Amino acid sequence: MIKTRLFTKFHILLAGLAVLLILAACGAGALVPTRTPKLEPTITGPASTPTNPPSIDRETRIPASALKMSPAADAHPPQVLVAGYAKPILVPGAVNTAGAEDSPFITPDGSTLYFFFTPDVTVPVEKQLLDGVTGLYVSHKVDDQWGRPARVVLQDPGKLALDGCEFVQGNVMWFCSTRQGYTGVHWFTAEYREGTWHDWKIADFNASYQVGELHFSGDGSQLYFASDRPGGKGSLDIWVSNKASGEWQAPENVSAVNTQDGEGWPALSPDGTELWLTRNYGLWRSKSLDYEWQTPEQIISPLAGEATLDSAGNVYFVHHYFKDDQMIEADIYVAFRLPVLK
């Protein structure tokens, strides 16, 4: 897809089986890639190895030498390329650090933000698993400021796991995970009750579908996902599967939005009229016309990816900072939708 380490999970995908073989030997897991790799070993891990404890302050694991980038020092700041959106800004509050905040997901009401965090992007993934803080986090918005994030725990005490690709609909979270007791990467669900996530369980799709990062339609009848499964236009493509009689049907290529360049990380607007995707270092948007997706238009670039939208049309995304062709860190940005003048 790209020669530099733009998207952490895609970098891990390129590492693929070789990394997971190392992890199996040392009893550790791996960061979730964009699709399910094949022929991976089962990760067992010693039962006495502690899971990532939620009580550890994630910022204590960020190296003292880490460089916190600022928009003023950014050589390639994200820019809005069309009318209708304000200049992208860092999400205000306590979300962003000198570590890497990645893979955001905003709830439709705009009050809850989930994201993936790792304190040091230079650390190999097999060590990220054991740093005590790498994983999923959640922050809540109060008076236009994002509060201190809390760790999202989705594993039993004493068992290894590394989770990502989160998607939340109502009180259910879908996430993909490499975890102790399972072979390779799998999809799971968890249920939110009384302020805590419970009952995580495997929720895989037909293996031949090769479902990567996903997004469900508001009524749950359509599954959009990224995959390099056969039959696409090249590299990653966006696919859709429709649910009939309770079963997901064979995926169809969303040909109107795909190219040979590769498209990933699909996100629907809450009203279902826009399909956002990541292509060529930027965010693109396709609009629905008579229930057909139109040719996408580039909205935000460069180094912007993994869009997620609230009901007001505000676009949250990850922006990666580079120096000397090396990724330094990543932050969550937002481009607010401007009101329509009447």
C-alpha atoms as a PDB file:
ATOM      1  CA  MET A   1       0.000   0.000   0.000  1.00  0.00           C
ATOM      2  CA  ILE A   2       2.685   2.492   1.062  1.00  0.00           C
ATOM      3  CA  LYS A   3       6.407   2.194   1.678  1.00  0.00           C
ATOM      4  CA  THR A   4       6.479   4.022   5.010  1.00  0.00           C
ATOM      5  CA  ARG A   5       4.821   3.117   8.274  1.00  0.00           C
ATOM      6  CA  LEU A   6       1.752   5.283   7.789  1.00  0.00           C
ATOM      7  CA  PHE A   7      -0.839   3.012   9.341  1.00  0.00           C
ATOM      8  CA  THR A   8       0.360   0.924  12.257  1.00  0.00           C
ATOM      9  CA  LYS A   9      -2.025  -1.989  11.719  1.00  0.00           C
ATOM     10  CA  PHE A  10      -1.139  -2.260   8.034  1.00  0.00           C
ATOM     11  CA  HIS A  11       2.545  -2.332   8.986  1.00  0.00           C
ATOM     12  CA  ILE A  12       1.792  -5.259  11.264  1.00  0.00           C
ATOM     13  CA  LEU A  13      -0.072  -6.987   8.449  1.00  0.00           C
ATOM     14  CA  LEU A  14       3.066  -6.770   6.323  1.00  0.00           C
ATOM     15  CA  ALA A  15       5.011  -8.372   9.153  1.00  0.00           C
ATOM     16  CA  GLY A  16       2.328 -11.083   9.170  1.00  0.00           C
ATOM     17  CA  LEU A  17       3.146 -14.631   9.999  1.00  0.00           C
ATOM     18  CA  ALA A  18       6.800 -14.019  10.888  1.00  0.00           C
ATOM     19  CA  VAL A  19       5.880 -11.734  13.793  1.00  0.00           C
ATOM     20  CA  LEU A  20       3.182 -14.039  15.095  1.00  0.00           C
ATOM     21  CA  LEU A  21       5.545 -16.994  15.050  1.00  0.00           C
ATOM     22  CA  ILE A  22       7.895 -15.031  17.269  1.00  0.00           C
ATOM     23  CA  LEU A  23       5.020 -14.123  19.562  1.00  0.00           C
ATOM     24  CA  ALA A  24       3.873 -17.704  19.869  1.00  0.00           C
ATOM     25  CA  ALA A  25       7.353 -18.727  20.923  1.00  0.00           C
ATOM     26  CA  CYS A  26       7.449 -16.132  23.699  1.00  0.00           C
ATOM     27  CA  GLY A  27       3.807 -16.493  24.724  1.00  0.00           C
ATOM     28  CA  ALA A  28       2.564 -13.090  23.552  1.00  0.00           C
ATOM     29  CA  GLY A  29      -0.080 -11.670  21.208  1.00  0.00           C
ATOM     30  CA  ALA A  30      -0.017  -9.234  18.300  1.00  0.00           C
ATOM     31  CA  LEU A  31      -1.546  -5.961  17.248  1.00  0.00           C
ATOM     32  CA  VAL A  32      -4.582  -6.466  15.031  1.00  0.00           C
ATOM     33  CA  PRO A  33      -4.042  -6.107  11.271  1.00  0.00           C
ATOM     34  CA  THR A  34      -6.507  -4.968   8.639  1.00  0.00           C
ATOM     35  CA  ARG A  35      -7.630  -8.466   7.728  1.00  0.00           C
ATOM     36  CA  THR A  36      -7.337 -11.980   9.097  1.00  0.00           C
ATOM     37  CA  PRO A  37      -3.951 -13.480   8.189  1.00  0.00           C
ATOM     38  CA  LYS A  38      -3.823 -17.146   7.315  1.00  0.00           C
ATOM     39  CA  LEU A  39      -1.921 -20.051   8.850  1.00  0.00           C
ATOM     40  CA  GLU A  40      -1.201 -18.415  12.174  1.00  0.00           C
ATOM     41  CA  PRO A  41      -0.239 -20.369  15.293  1.00  0.00           C
ATOM     42  CA  THR A  42      -2.331 -20.525  18.434  1.00  0.00           C
ATOM     43  CA  ILE A  43      -1.150 -18.081  21.077  1.00  0.00           C
ATOM     44  CA  THR A  44      -1.112 -19.857  24.392  1.00  0.00           C
ATOM     45  CA  GLY A  45       1.021 -17.816  26.762  1.00  0.00           C
ATOM     46  CA  PRO A  46       1.703 -18.639  30.393  1.00  0.00           C
ATOM     47  CA  ALA A  47      -1.439 -18.508  32.526  1.00  0.00           C
ATOM     48  CA  SER A  48       0.452 -16.473  35.132  1.00  0.00           C
ATOM     49  CA  THR A  49       1.223 -13.650  32.700  1.00  0.00           C
ATOM     50  CA  PRO A  50      -0.894 -10.641  33.742  1.00  0.00           C
ATOM     51  CA  THR A  51      -3.137  -8.892  31.297  1.00  0.00           C
ATOM     52  CA  ASN A  52      -2.673  -5.167  30.669  1.00  0.00           C
ATOM     53  CA  PRO A  53      -3.822  -3.673  33.989  1.00  0.00           C
ATOM     54  CA  PRO A  54      -6.260  -0.765  33.669  1.00  0.00           C
ATOM     55  CA  SER A  55      -4.748   1.060  36.645  1.00  0.00           C
ATOM     56  CA  ILE A  56      -1.461   1.992  34.942  1.00  0.00           C
ATOM     57  CA  ASP A  57      -1.233   5.578  33.745  1.00  0.00           C
ATOM     58  CA  ARG A  58      -0.590   5.264  30.015  1.00  0.00           C
ATOM     59  CA  GLU A  59       1.567   8.412  29.935  1.00  0.00           C
ATOM     60  CA  THR A  60       4.098   6.846  32.320  1.00  0.00           C
ATOM     61  CA  ARG A  61       5.029   4.412  29.542  1.00  0.00           C
ATOM     62  CA  ILE A  62       5.819   7.146  27.017  1.00  0.00           C
ATOM     63  CA  PRO A  63       9.617   7.514  26.727  1.00  0.00           C
ATOM     64  CA  ALA A  64      11.081  10.688  28.204  1.00  0.00           C
ATOM     65  CA  SER A  65      12.759  11.272  24.846  1.00  0.00           C
ATOM     66  CA  ALA A  66       9.455  11.139  22.950  1.00  0.00           C
ATOM     67  CA  LEU A  67       8.770  14.182  20.798  1.00  0.00           C
ATOM     68  CA  LYS A  68       5.280  15.674  21.149  1.00  0.00           C
ATOM     69  CA  MET A  69       4.495  17.221  17.823  1.00  0.00           C
ATOM     70  CA  SER A  70       2.433  20.385  17.548  1.00  0.00           C
ATOM     71  CA  PRO A  71       0.419  21.665  14.597  1.00  0.00           C
ATOM     72  CA  ALA A  72       2.857  24.557  14.298  1.00  0.00           C
ATOM     73  CA  ALA A  73       5.807  22.197  13.910  1.00  0.00           C
ATOM     74  CA  ASP A  74       3.999  19.769  11.620  1.00  0.00           C
ATOM     75  CA  ALA A  75       5.564  19.704   8.152  1.00  0.00           C
ATOM     76  CA  HIS A  76       2.469  18.049   6.674  1.00  0.00           C
ATOM     77  CA  PRO A  77      -0.628  19.213   8.572  1.00  0.00           C
ATOM     78  CA  PRO A  78      -3.997  17.844   7.490  1.00  0.00           C
ATOM     79  CA  GLN A  79      -5.970  20.229   5.298  1.00  0.00           C
ATOM     80  CA  VAL A  80      -9.613  20.357   4.239  1.00  0.00           C
ATOM     81  CA  LEU A  81      -9.794  20.358   0.444  1.00  0.00           C
ATOM     82  CA  VAL A  82     -13.476  21.235  -0.015  1.00  0.00           C
ATOM     83  CA  ALA A  83     -15.939  23.728   1.389  1.00  0.00           C
ATOM     84  CA  GLY A  84     -18.164  22.758   4.290  1.00  0.00           C
ATOM     85  CA  TYR A  85     -15.633  21.890   6.993  1.00  0.00           C
ATOM     86  CA  ALA A  86     -13.546  23.936   9.393  1.00  0.00           C
ATOM     87  CA  LYS A  87      -9.773  23.581   9.540  1.00  0.00           C
ATOM     88  CA  PRO A  88      -8.861  20.298  11.282  1.00  0.00           C
ATOM     89  CA  ILE A  89      -7.749  20.686  14.891  1.00  0.00           C
ATOM     90  CA  LEU A  90      -6.511  18.379  17.615  1.00  0.00           C
ATOM     91  CA  VAL A  91      -9.424  17.108  19.674  1.00  0.00           C
ATOM     92  CA  PRO A  92      -9.417  19.349  22.765  1.00  0.00           C
ATOM     93  CA  GLY A  93      -8.765  17.815  26.143  1.00  0.00           C
ATOM     94  CA  ALA A  94      -6.795  14.866  27.474  1.00  0.00           C
ATOM     95  CA  VAL A  95      -6.829  12.401  24.567  1.00  0.00           C
ATOM     96  CA  ASN A  96      -3.607  13.180  22.683  1.00  0.00           C
ATOM     97  CA  THR A  97      -0.130  12.565  24.066  1.00  0.00           C
ATOM     98  CA  ALA A  98       3.425  12.113  22.796  1.00  0.00           C
ATOM     99  CA  GLY A  99       2.484   8.494  22.220  1.00  0.00           C
ATOM    100  CA  ALA A 100       0.319   7.263  19.346  1.00  0.00           C
ATOM    101  CA  GLU A 101      -3.453   7.699  19.468  1.00  0.00           C
ATOM    102  CA  ASP A 102      -4.956   5.841  16.532  1.00  0.00           C
ATOM    103  CA  SER A 103      -8.104   4.207  15.107  1.00  0.00           C
ATOM    104  CA  PRO A 104     -10.752   6.570  16.523  1.00  0.00           C
ATOM    105  CA  PHE A 105     -14.439   5.754  16.782  1.00  0.00           C
ATOM    106  CA  ILE A 106     -16.974   8.425  17.757  1.00  0.00           C
ATOM    107  CA  THR A 107     -20.489   7.570  18.910  1.00  0.00           C
ATOM    108  CA  PRO A 108     -23.298   9.225  16.898  1.00  0.00           C
ATOM    109  CA  ASP A 109     -24.187  11.601  19.728  1.00  0.00           C
ATOM    110  CA  GLY A 110     -20.605  12.882  19.731  1.00  0.00           C
ATOM    111  CA  SER A 111     -20.134  12.303  23.447  1.00  0.00           C
ATOM    112  CA  THR A 112     -17.900   9.218  23.558  1.00  0.00           C
ATOM    113  CA  LEU A 113     -14.619   8.624  21.750  1.00  0.00           C
ATOM    114  CA  TYR A 114     -12.852   5.273  21.525  1.00  0.00           C
ATOM    115  CA  PHE A 115      -9.311   4.903  20.215  1.00  0.00           C
ATOM    116  CA  PHE A 116      -6.238   2.684  20.165  1.00  0.00           C
ATOM    117  CA  PHE A 117      -3.103   3.796  22.028  1.00  0.00           C
ATOM    118  CA  THR A 118       0.495   2.652  22.177  1.00  0.00           C
ATOM    119  CA  PRO A 119       3.165   4.709  23.971  1.00  0.00           C
ATOM    120  CA  ASP A 120       6.043   4.263  21.539  1.00  0.00           C
ATOM    121  CA  VAL A 121       5.630   3.531  17.815  1.00  0.00           C
ATOM    122  CA  THR A 122       9.254   2.360  17.555  1.00  0.00           C
ATOM    123  CA  VAL A 123       8.678  -0.564  19.914  1.00  0.00           C
ATOM    124  CA  PRO A 124       8.063  -3.960  18.238  1.00  0.00           C
ATOM    125  CA  VAL A 125       4.522  -5.190  18.567  1.00  0.00           C
ATOM    126  CA  GLU A 126       5.506  -8.226  20.621  1.00  0.00           C
ATOM    127  CA  LYS A 127       6.750  -5.813  23.280  1.00  0.00           C
ATOM    128  CA  GLN A 128       3.765  -3.480  22.995  1.00  0.00           C
ATOM    129  CA  LEU A 129       1.592  -6.306  24.258  1.00  0.00           C
ATOM    130  CA  LEU A 130       3.574  -6.442  27.486  1.00  0.00           C
ATOM    131  CA  ASP A 131       3.963  -2.715  28.206  1.00  0.00           C
ATOM    132  CA  GLY A 132       0.834  -2.608  30.362  1.00  0.00           C
ATOM    133  CA  VAL A 133      -0.904   0.217  28.486  1.00  0.00           C
ATOM    134  CA  THR A 134      -1.163  -0.561  24.759  1.00  0.00           C
ATOM    135  CA  GLY A 135      -4.772  -1.190  23.781  1.00  0.00           C
ATOM    136  CA  LEU A 136      -8.208   0.388  23.525  1.00  0.00           C
ATOM    137  CA  TYR A 137      -9.281   3.480  25.486  1.00  0.00           C
ATOM    138  CA  VAL A 138     -12.408   5.562  25.909  1.00  0.00           C
ATOM    139  CA  SER A 139     -12.867   9.258  26.630  1.00  0.00           C
ATOM    140  CA  HIS A 140     -16.065  11.156  27.402  1.00  0.00           C
ATOM    141  CA  LYS A 141     -16.831  14.704  26.337  1.00  0.00           C
ATOM    142  CA  VAL A 142     -17.730  17.280  28.966  1.00  0.00           C
ATOM    143  CA  ASP A 143     -18.241  20.962  28.089  1.00  0.00           C
ATOM    144  CA  ASP A 144     -16.473  20.587  24.716  1.00  0.00           C
ATOM    145  CA  GLN A 145     -13.409  18.983  26.315  1.00  0.00           C
ATOM    146  CA  TRP A 146     -12.446  15.328  26.149  1.00  0.00           C
ATOM    147  CA  GLY A 147     -11.811  13.851  29.578  1.00  0.00           C
ATOM    148  CA  ARG A 148      -9.010  11.633  30.783  1.00  0.00           C
ATOM    149  CA  PRO A 149      -9.203   8.340  28.861  1.00  0.00           C
ATOM    150  CA  ALA A 150      -9.808   5.038  30.619  1.00  0.00           C
ATOM    151  CA  ARG A 151      -8.615   1.635  29.498  1.00  0.00           C
ATOM    152  CA  VAL A 152     -11.231  -0.619  27.880  1.00  0.00           C
ATOM    153  CA  VAL A 153     -10.673  -4.081  29.345  1.00  0.00           C
ATOM    154  CA  LEU A 154     -11.911  -6.915  27.135  1.00  0.00           C
ATOM    155  CA  GLN A 155     -10.047  -9.914  28.525  1.00  0.00           C
ATOM    156  CA  ASP A 156     -10.153 -12.123  31.594  1.00  0.00           C
ATOM    157  CA  PRO A 157      -7.545 -11.467  34.323  1.00  0.00           C
ATOM    158  CA  GLY A 158      -4.325 -13.351  33.752  1.00  0.00           C
ATOM    159  CA  LYS A 159      -4.868 -13.850  30.008  1.00  0.00           C
ATOM    160  CA  LEU A 160      -3.097 -12.126  27.131  1.00  0.00           C
ATOM    161  CA  ALA A 161      -4.898 -10.121  24.458  1.00  0.00           C
ATOM    162  CA  LEU A 162      -4.346  -7.192  22.151  1.00  0.00           C
ATOM    163  CA  ASP A 163      -7.522  -5.653  20.751  1.00  0.00           C
ATOM    164  CA  GLY A 164      -8.322  -3.164  18.009  1.00  0.00           C
ATOM    165  CA  CYS A 165     -10.665  -2.323  15.097  1.00  0.00           C
ATOM    166  CA  GLU A 166     -13.386  -1.222  17.511  1.00  0.00           C
ATOM    167  CA  PHE A 167     -16.926  -0.442  16.346  1.00  0.00           C
ATOM    168  CA  VAL A 168     -19.689   0.394  18.806  1.00  0.00           C
ATOM    169  CA  GLN A 169     -23.413   0.256  18.096  1.00  0.00           C
ATOM    170  CA  GLY A 170     -25.757   0.725  21.020  1.00  0.00           C
ATOM    171  CA  ASN A 171     -24.467  -1.370  23.902  1.00  0.00           C
ATOM    172  CA  VAL A 172     -22.472  -3.771  21.706  1.00  0.00           C
ATOM    173  CA  MET A 173     -18.824  -3.432  20.695  1.00  0.00           C
ATOM    174  CA  TRP A 174     -17.307  -5.335  17.789  1.00  0.00           C
ATOM    175  CA  PHE A 175     -13.546  -5.666  17.931  1.00  0.00           C
ATOM    176  CA  CYS A 176     -10.833  -7.835  16.479  1.00  0.00           C
ATOM    177  CA  SER A 177      -8.254  -9.434  18.678  1.00  0.00           C
ATOM    178  CA  THR A 178      -5.250 -11.686  18.894  1.00  0.00           C
ATOM    179  CA  ARG A 179      -5.592 -13.400  22.228  1.00  0.00           C
ATOM    180  CA  GLN A 180      -4.545 -16.302  24.332  1.00  0.00           C
ATOM    181  CA  GLY A 181      -6.264 -19.563  23.460  1.00  0.00           C
ATOM    182  CA  TYR A 182      -7.113 -18.637  19.865  1.00  0.00           C
ATOM    183  CA  THR A 183      -5.313 -19.183  16.592  1.00  0.00           C
ATOM    184  CA  GLY A 184      -4.730 -15.992  14.621  1.00  0.00           C
ATOM    185  CA  VAL A 185      -6.946 -12.928  14.565  1.00  0.00           C
ATOM    186  CA  HIS A 186     -10.677 -13.169  15.280  1.00  0.00           C
ATOM    187  CA  TRP A 187     -13.702 -10.916  15.606  1.00  0.00           C
ATOM    188  CA  PHE A 188     -15.350 -10.644  19.011  1.00  0.00           C
ATOM    189  CA  THR A 189     -18.279  -8.805  20.559  1.00  0.00           C
ATOM    190  CA  ALA A 190     -18.750  -7.423  24.058  1.00  0.00           C
ATOM    191  CA  GLU A 191     -21.802  -5.998  25.836  1.00  0.00           C
ATOM    192  CA  TYR A 192     -21.882  -2.774  27.870  1.00  0.00           C
ATOM    193  CA  ARG A 193     -23.764  -3.024  31.157  1.00  0.00           C
ATOM    194  CA  GLU A 194     -23.627  -0.929  34.319  1.00  0.00           C
ATOM    195  CA  GLY A 195     -20.611   1.056  33.182  1.00  0.00           C
ATOM    196  CA  THR A 196     -18.433  -1.912  32.152  1.00  0.00           C
ATOM    197  CA  TRP A 197     -17.905  -4.140  29.132  1.00  0.00           C
ATOM    198  CA  HIS A 198     -18.918  -7.762  29.707  1.00  0.00           C
ATOM    199  CA  ASP A 199     -19.408 -11.105  27.969  1.00  0.00           C
ATOM    200  CA  TRP A 200     -16.801 -10.887  25.232  1.00  0.00           C
ATOM    201  CA  LYS A 201     -17.259 -13.771  22.863  1.00  0.00           C
ATOM    202  CA  ILE A 202     -16.074 -14.807  19.439  1.00  0.00           C
ATOM    203  CA  ALA A 203     -18.169 -13.442  16.553  1.00  0.00           C
ATOM    204  CA  ASP A 204     -16.352 -14.440  13.395  1.00  0.00           C
ATOM    205  CA  PHE A 205     -17.717 -14.089   9.882  1.00  0.00           C
ATOM    206  CA  ASN A 206     -17.368 -16.625   7.094  1.00  0.00           C
ATOM    207  CA  ALA A 207     -13.604 -17.054   6.843  1.00  0.00           C
ATOM    208  CA  SER A 208     -13.679 -16.767   3.052  1.00  0.00           C
ATOM    209  CA  TYR A 209     -15.056 -13.228   3.337  1.00  0.00           C
ATOM    210  CA  GLN A 210     -11.764 -12.048   4.939  1.00  0.00           C
ATOM    211  CA  VAL A 211     -13.433  -9.238   6.864  1.00  0.00           C
ATOM    212  CA  GLY A 212     -11.107  -6.411   7.869  1.00  0.00           C
ATOM    213  CA  GLU A 213     -11.992  -3.103   9.571  1.00  0.00           C
ATOM    214  CA  LEU A 214     -15.765  -2.917   9.512  1.00  0.00           C
ATOM    215  CA  HIS A 215     -18.779  -0.635   9.842  1.00  0.00           C
ATOM    216  CA  PHE A 216     -22.427  -1.667  10.142  1.00  0.00           C
ATOM    217  CA  SER A 217     -25.327   0.317   8.734  1.00  0.00           C
ATOM    218  CA  GLY A 218     -27.610   1.926  11.298  1.00  0.00           C
ATOM    219  CA  ASP A 219     -30.262  -0.777  10.939  1.00  0.00           C
ATOM    220  CA  GLY A 220     -27.682  -3.552  11.058  1.00  0.00           C
ATOM    221  CA  SER A 221     -28.620  -4.917   7.641  1.00  0.00           C
ATOM    222  CA  GLN A 222     -25.347  -4.094   5.866  1.00  0.00           C
ATOM    223  CA  LEU A 223     -21.731  -4.797   6.723  1.00  0.00           C
ATOM    224  CA  TYR A 224     -19.070  -2.646   5.056  1.00  0.00           C
ATOM    225  CA  PHE A 225     -15.483  -3.762   5.429  1.00  0.00           C
ATOM    226  CA  ALA A 226     -11.984  -3.530   3.982  1.00  0.00           C
ATOM    227  CA  SER A 227     -10.376  -6.606   2.448  1.00  0.00           C
ATOM    228  CA  ASP A 228      -7.905  -7.759  -0.190  1.00  0.00           C
ATOM    229  CA  ARG A 229     -10.077 -10.803  -0.905  1.00  0.00           C
ATOM    230  CA  PRO A 230     -10.081 -12.084  -4.504  1.00  0.00           C
ATOM    231  CA  GLY A 231     -12.189 -10.224  -7.028  1.00  0.00           C
ATOM    232  CA  GLY A 232     -11.231  -6.694  -6.034  1.00  0.00           C
ATOM    233  CA  LYS A 233      -9.670  -3.922  -8.059  1.00  0.00           C
ATOM    234  CA  GLY A 234      -6.309  -4.069  -6.347  1.00  0.00           C
ATOM    235  CA  SER A 235      -4.793  -4.084  -2.853  1.00  0.00           C
ATOM    236  CA  LEU A 236      -7.481  -3.350  -0.260  1.00  0.00           C
ATOM    237  CA  ASP A 237     -11.037  -2.677  -1.451  1.00  0.00           C
ATOM    238  CA  ILE A 238     -14.289  -1.758   0.254  1.00  0.00           C
ATOM    239  CA  TRP A 239     -16.849  -4.587   0.254  1.00  0.00           C
ATOM    240  CA  VAL A 240     -20.428  -4.865   1.483  1.00  0.00           C
ATOM    241  CA  SER A 241     -22.355  -7.852   2.739  1.00  0.00           C
ATOM    242  CA  ASN A 242     -26.137  -7.825   3.187  1.00  0.00           C
ATOM    243  CA  LYS A 243     -27.917  -9.738   5.918  1.00  0.00           C
ATOM    244  CA  ALA A 244     -30.741 -12.046   4.824  1.00  0.00           C
ATOM    245  CA  SER A 245     -32.589 -14.478   7.106  1.00  0.00           C
ATOM    246  CA  GLY A 246     -30.084 -13.713   9.833  1.00  0.00           C
ATOM    247  CA  GLU A 247     -27.061 -14.638   7.707  1.00  0.00           C
ATOM    248  CA  TRP A 248     -24.434 -12.463   6.056  1.00  0.00           C
ATOM    249  CA  GLN A 249     -24.495 -13.012   2.309  1.00  0.00           C
ATOM    250  CA  ALA A 250     -21.533 -13.226  -0.081  1.00  0.00           C
ATOM    251  CA  PRO A 251     -19.730  -9.862  -0.168  1.00  0.00           C
ATOM    252  CA  GLU A 252     -20.103  -7.527  -3.118  1.00  0.00           C
ATOM    253  CA  ASN A 253     -17.375  -5.161  -4.240  1.00  0.00           C
ATOM    254  CA  VAL A 254     -18.392  -1.512  -3.817  1.00  0.00           C
ATOM    255  CA  SER A 255     -16.963  -0.841  -7.241  1.00  0.00           C
ATOM    256  CA  ALA A 256     -17.978   2.834  -7.376  1.00  0.00           C
ATOM    257  CA  VAL A 257     -15.514   3.726  -4.607  1.00  0.00           C
ATOM    258  CA  ASN A 258     -12.643   1.312  -5.305  1.00  0.00           C
ATOM    259  CA  THR A 259      -9.538   1.774  -7.449  1.00  0.00           C
ATOM    260  CA  GLN A 260      -6.229   0.013  -8.021  1.00  0.00           C
ATOM    261  CA  ASP A 261      -4.670   2.315  -5.412  1.00  0.00           C
ATOM    262  CA  GLY A 262      -6.310   0.558  -2.489  1.00  0.00           C
ATOM    263  CA  GLU A 263      -9.122   1.690  -0.200  1.00  0.00           C
ATOM    264  CA  GLY A 264      -9.628   0.869   3.456  1.00  0.00           C
ATOM    265  CA  TRP A 265     -11.196   1.783   6.787  1.00  0.00           C
ATOM    266  CA  PRO A 266     -14.805   2.377   5.664  1.00  0.00           C
ATOM    267  CA  ALA A 267     -17.104   4.537   7.791  1.00  0.00           C
ATOM    268  CA  LEU A 268     -20.738   5.411   7.218  1.00  0.00           C
ATOM    269  CA  SER A 269     -22.278   8.655   8.383  1.00  0.00           C
ATOM    270  CA  PRO A 270     -24.943   7.946  11.026  1.00  0.00           C
ATOM    271  CA  ASP A 271     -27.709   8.768   8.527  1.00  0.00           C
ATOM    272  CA  GLY A 272     -26.195   6.356   5.982  1.00  0.00           C
ATOM    273  CA  THR A 273     -25.884   8.917   3.184  1.00  0.00           C
ATOM    274  CA  GLU A 274     -22.069   9.143   3.162  1.00  0.00           C
ATOM    275  CA  LEU A 275     -19.373   6.472   2.897  1.00  0.00           C
ATOM    276  CA  TRP A 276     -15.902   7.588   3.976  1.00  0.00           C
ATOM    277  CA  LEU A 277     -12.700   5.702   3.224  1.00  0.00           C
ATOM    278  CA  THR A 278      -8.933   6.051   3.378  1.00  0.00           C
ATOM    279  CA  ARG A 279      -6.959   6.230   0.137  1.00  0.00           C
ATOM    280  CA  ASN A 280      -3.534   7.647  -0.789  1.00  0.00           C
ATOM    281  CA  TYR A 281      -2.724   9.287   2.542  1.00  0.00           C
ATOM    282  CA  GLY A 282      -6.101  11.016   2.780  1.00  0.00           C
ATOM    283  CA  LEU A 283      -9.823  10.787   3.466  1.00  0.00           C
ATOM    284  CA  TRP A 284     -12.360  10.444   0.672  1.00  0.00           C
ATOM    285  CA  ARG A 285     -16.144  10.689   0.751  1.00  0.00           C
ATOM    286  CA  SER A 286     -18.764   9.061  -1.457  1.00  0.00           C
ATOM    287  CA  LYS A 287     -22.371  10.219  -1.345  1.00  0.00           C
ATOM    288  CA  SER A 288     -25.435   8.068  -1.882  1.00  0.00           C
ATOM    289  CA  LEU A 289     -27.702   9.028  -4.774  1.00  0.00           C
ATOM    290  CA  ASP A 290     -30.796   6.925  -5.374  1.00  0.00           C
ATOM    291  CA  TYR A 291     -29.228   4.260  -3.129  1.00  0.00           C
ATOM    292  CA  GLU A 292     -26.090   4.104  -5.282  1.00  0.00           C
ATOM    293  CA  TRP A 293     -22.649   5.223  -4.134  1.00  0.00           C
ATOM    294  CA  GLN A 294     -21.076   7.936  -6.268  1.00  0.00           C
ATOM    295  CA  THR A 295     -17.427   8.493  -7.240  1.00  0.00           C
ATOM    296  CA  PRO A 296     -15.577   9.576  -4.073  1.00  0.00           C
ATOM    297  CA  GLU A 297     -14.178  13.069  -3.569  1.00  0.00           C
ATOM    298  CA  GLN A 298     -11.034  13.715  -1.553  1.00  0.00           C
ATOM    299  CA  ILE A 299     -11.930  15.718   1.558  1.00  0.00           C
ATOM    300  CA  ILE A 300      -8.911  15.791   3.901  1.00  0.00           C
ATOM    301  CA  SER A 301      -5.207  15.265   3.171  1.00  0.00           C
ATOM    302  CA  PRO A 302      -2.347  14.541   3.786  1.00  0.00           C
ATOM    303  CA  LEU A 303      -1.591  11.812   6.323  1.00  0.00           C
ATOM    304  CA  ALA A 304      -5.222  11.561   7.417  1.00  0.00           C
ATOM    305  CA  GLY A 305      -6.960   8.228   7.866  1.00  0.00           C
ATOM    306  CA  GLU A 306      -9.696   6.178   9.526  1.00  0.00           C
ATOM    307  CA  ALA A 307     -12.608   8.620   9.501  1.00  0.00           C
ATOM    308  CA  THR A 308     -15.460   8.360  11.990  1.00  0.00           C
ATOM    309  CA  LEU A 309     -18.466  10.707  12.064  1.00  0.00           C
ATOM    310  CA  ASP A 310     -21.015  11.890  14.574  1.00  0.00           C
ATOM    311  CA  SER A 311     -24.594  12.818  13.743  1.00  0.00           C
ATOM    312  CA  ALA A 312     -23.653  16.479  13.281  1.00  0.00           C
ATOM    313  CA  GLY A 313     -21.313  15.497  10.432  1.00  0.00           C
ATOM    314  CA  ASN A 314     -18.110  16.276  12.315  1.00  0.00           C
ATOM    315  CA  VAL A 315     -15.232  14.113  11.057  1.00  0.00           C
ATOM    316  CA  TYR A 316     -12.785  12.589  13.521  1.00  0.00           C
ATOM    317  CA  PHE A 317      -9.642  10.946  12.161  1.00  0.00           C
ATOM    318  CA  VAL A 318      -6.055   9.962  12.906  1.00  0.00           C
ATOM    319  CA  HIS A 319      -3.128  12.075  11.724  1.00  0.00           C
ATOM    320  CA  HIS A 320       0.401  10.650  11.662  1.00  0.00           C
ATOM    321  CA  TYR A 321       3.519  12.768  12.098  1.00  0.00           C
ATOM    322  CA  PHE A 322       6.658  11.937  10.166  1.00  0.00           C
ATOM    323  CA  LYS A 323      10.251  13.065  10.418  1.00  0.00           C
ATOM    324  CA  ASP A 324      12.983  11.801   8.073  1.00  0.00           C
ATOM    325  CA  ASP A 325      10.503   9.301   6.635  1.00  0.00           C
ATOM    326  CA  GLN A 326       9.860   7.799  10.073  1.00  0.00           C
ATOM    327  CA  MET A 327       6.619   7.989  12.007  1.00  0.00           C
ATOM    328  CA  ILE A 328       7.066   9.837  15.284  1.00  0.00           C
ATOM    329  CA  GLU A 329       3.602   9.710  16.796  1.00  0.00           C
ATOM    330  CA  ALA A 330      -0.095   9.978  15.940  1.00  0.00           C
ATOM    331  CA  ASP A 331      -2.965  12.135  17.202  1.00  0.00           C
ATOM    332  CA  ILE A 332      -6.732  12.277  16.879  1.00  0.00           C
ATOM    333  CA  TYR A 333      -8.038  15.299  14.941  1.00  0.00           C
ATOM    334  CA  VAL A 334     -11.497  16.623  14.183  1.00  0.00           C
ATOM    335  CA  ALA A 335     -12.815  18.684  11.260  1.00  0.00           C
ATOM    336  CA  PHE A 336     -16.080  20.279  12.331  1.00  0.00           C
ATOM    337  CA  ARG A 337     -18.900  20.463   9.832  1.00  0.00           C
ATOM    338  CA  LEU A 338     -19.820  24.074   9.118  1.00  0.00           C
ATOM    339  CA  PRO A 339     -23.473  25.107   9.314  1.00  0.00           C
ATOM    340  CA  VAL A 340     -25.278  25.421   6.018  1.00  0.00           C
ATOM    341  CA  LEU A 341     -26.121  29.027   5.252  1.00  0.00           C
ATOM    342  CA  LYS A 342     -29.707  29.631   4.240  1.00  0.00           C
END
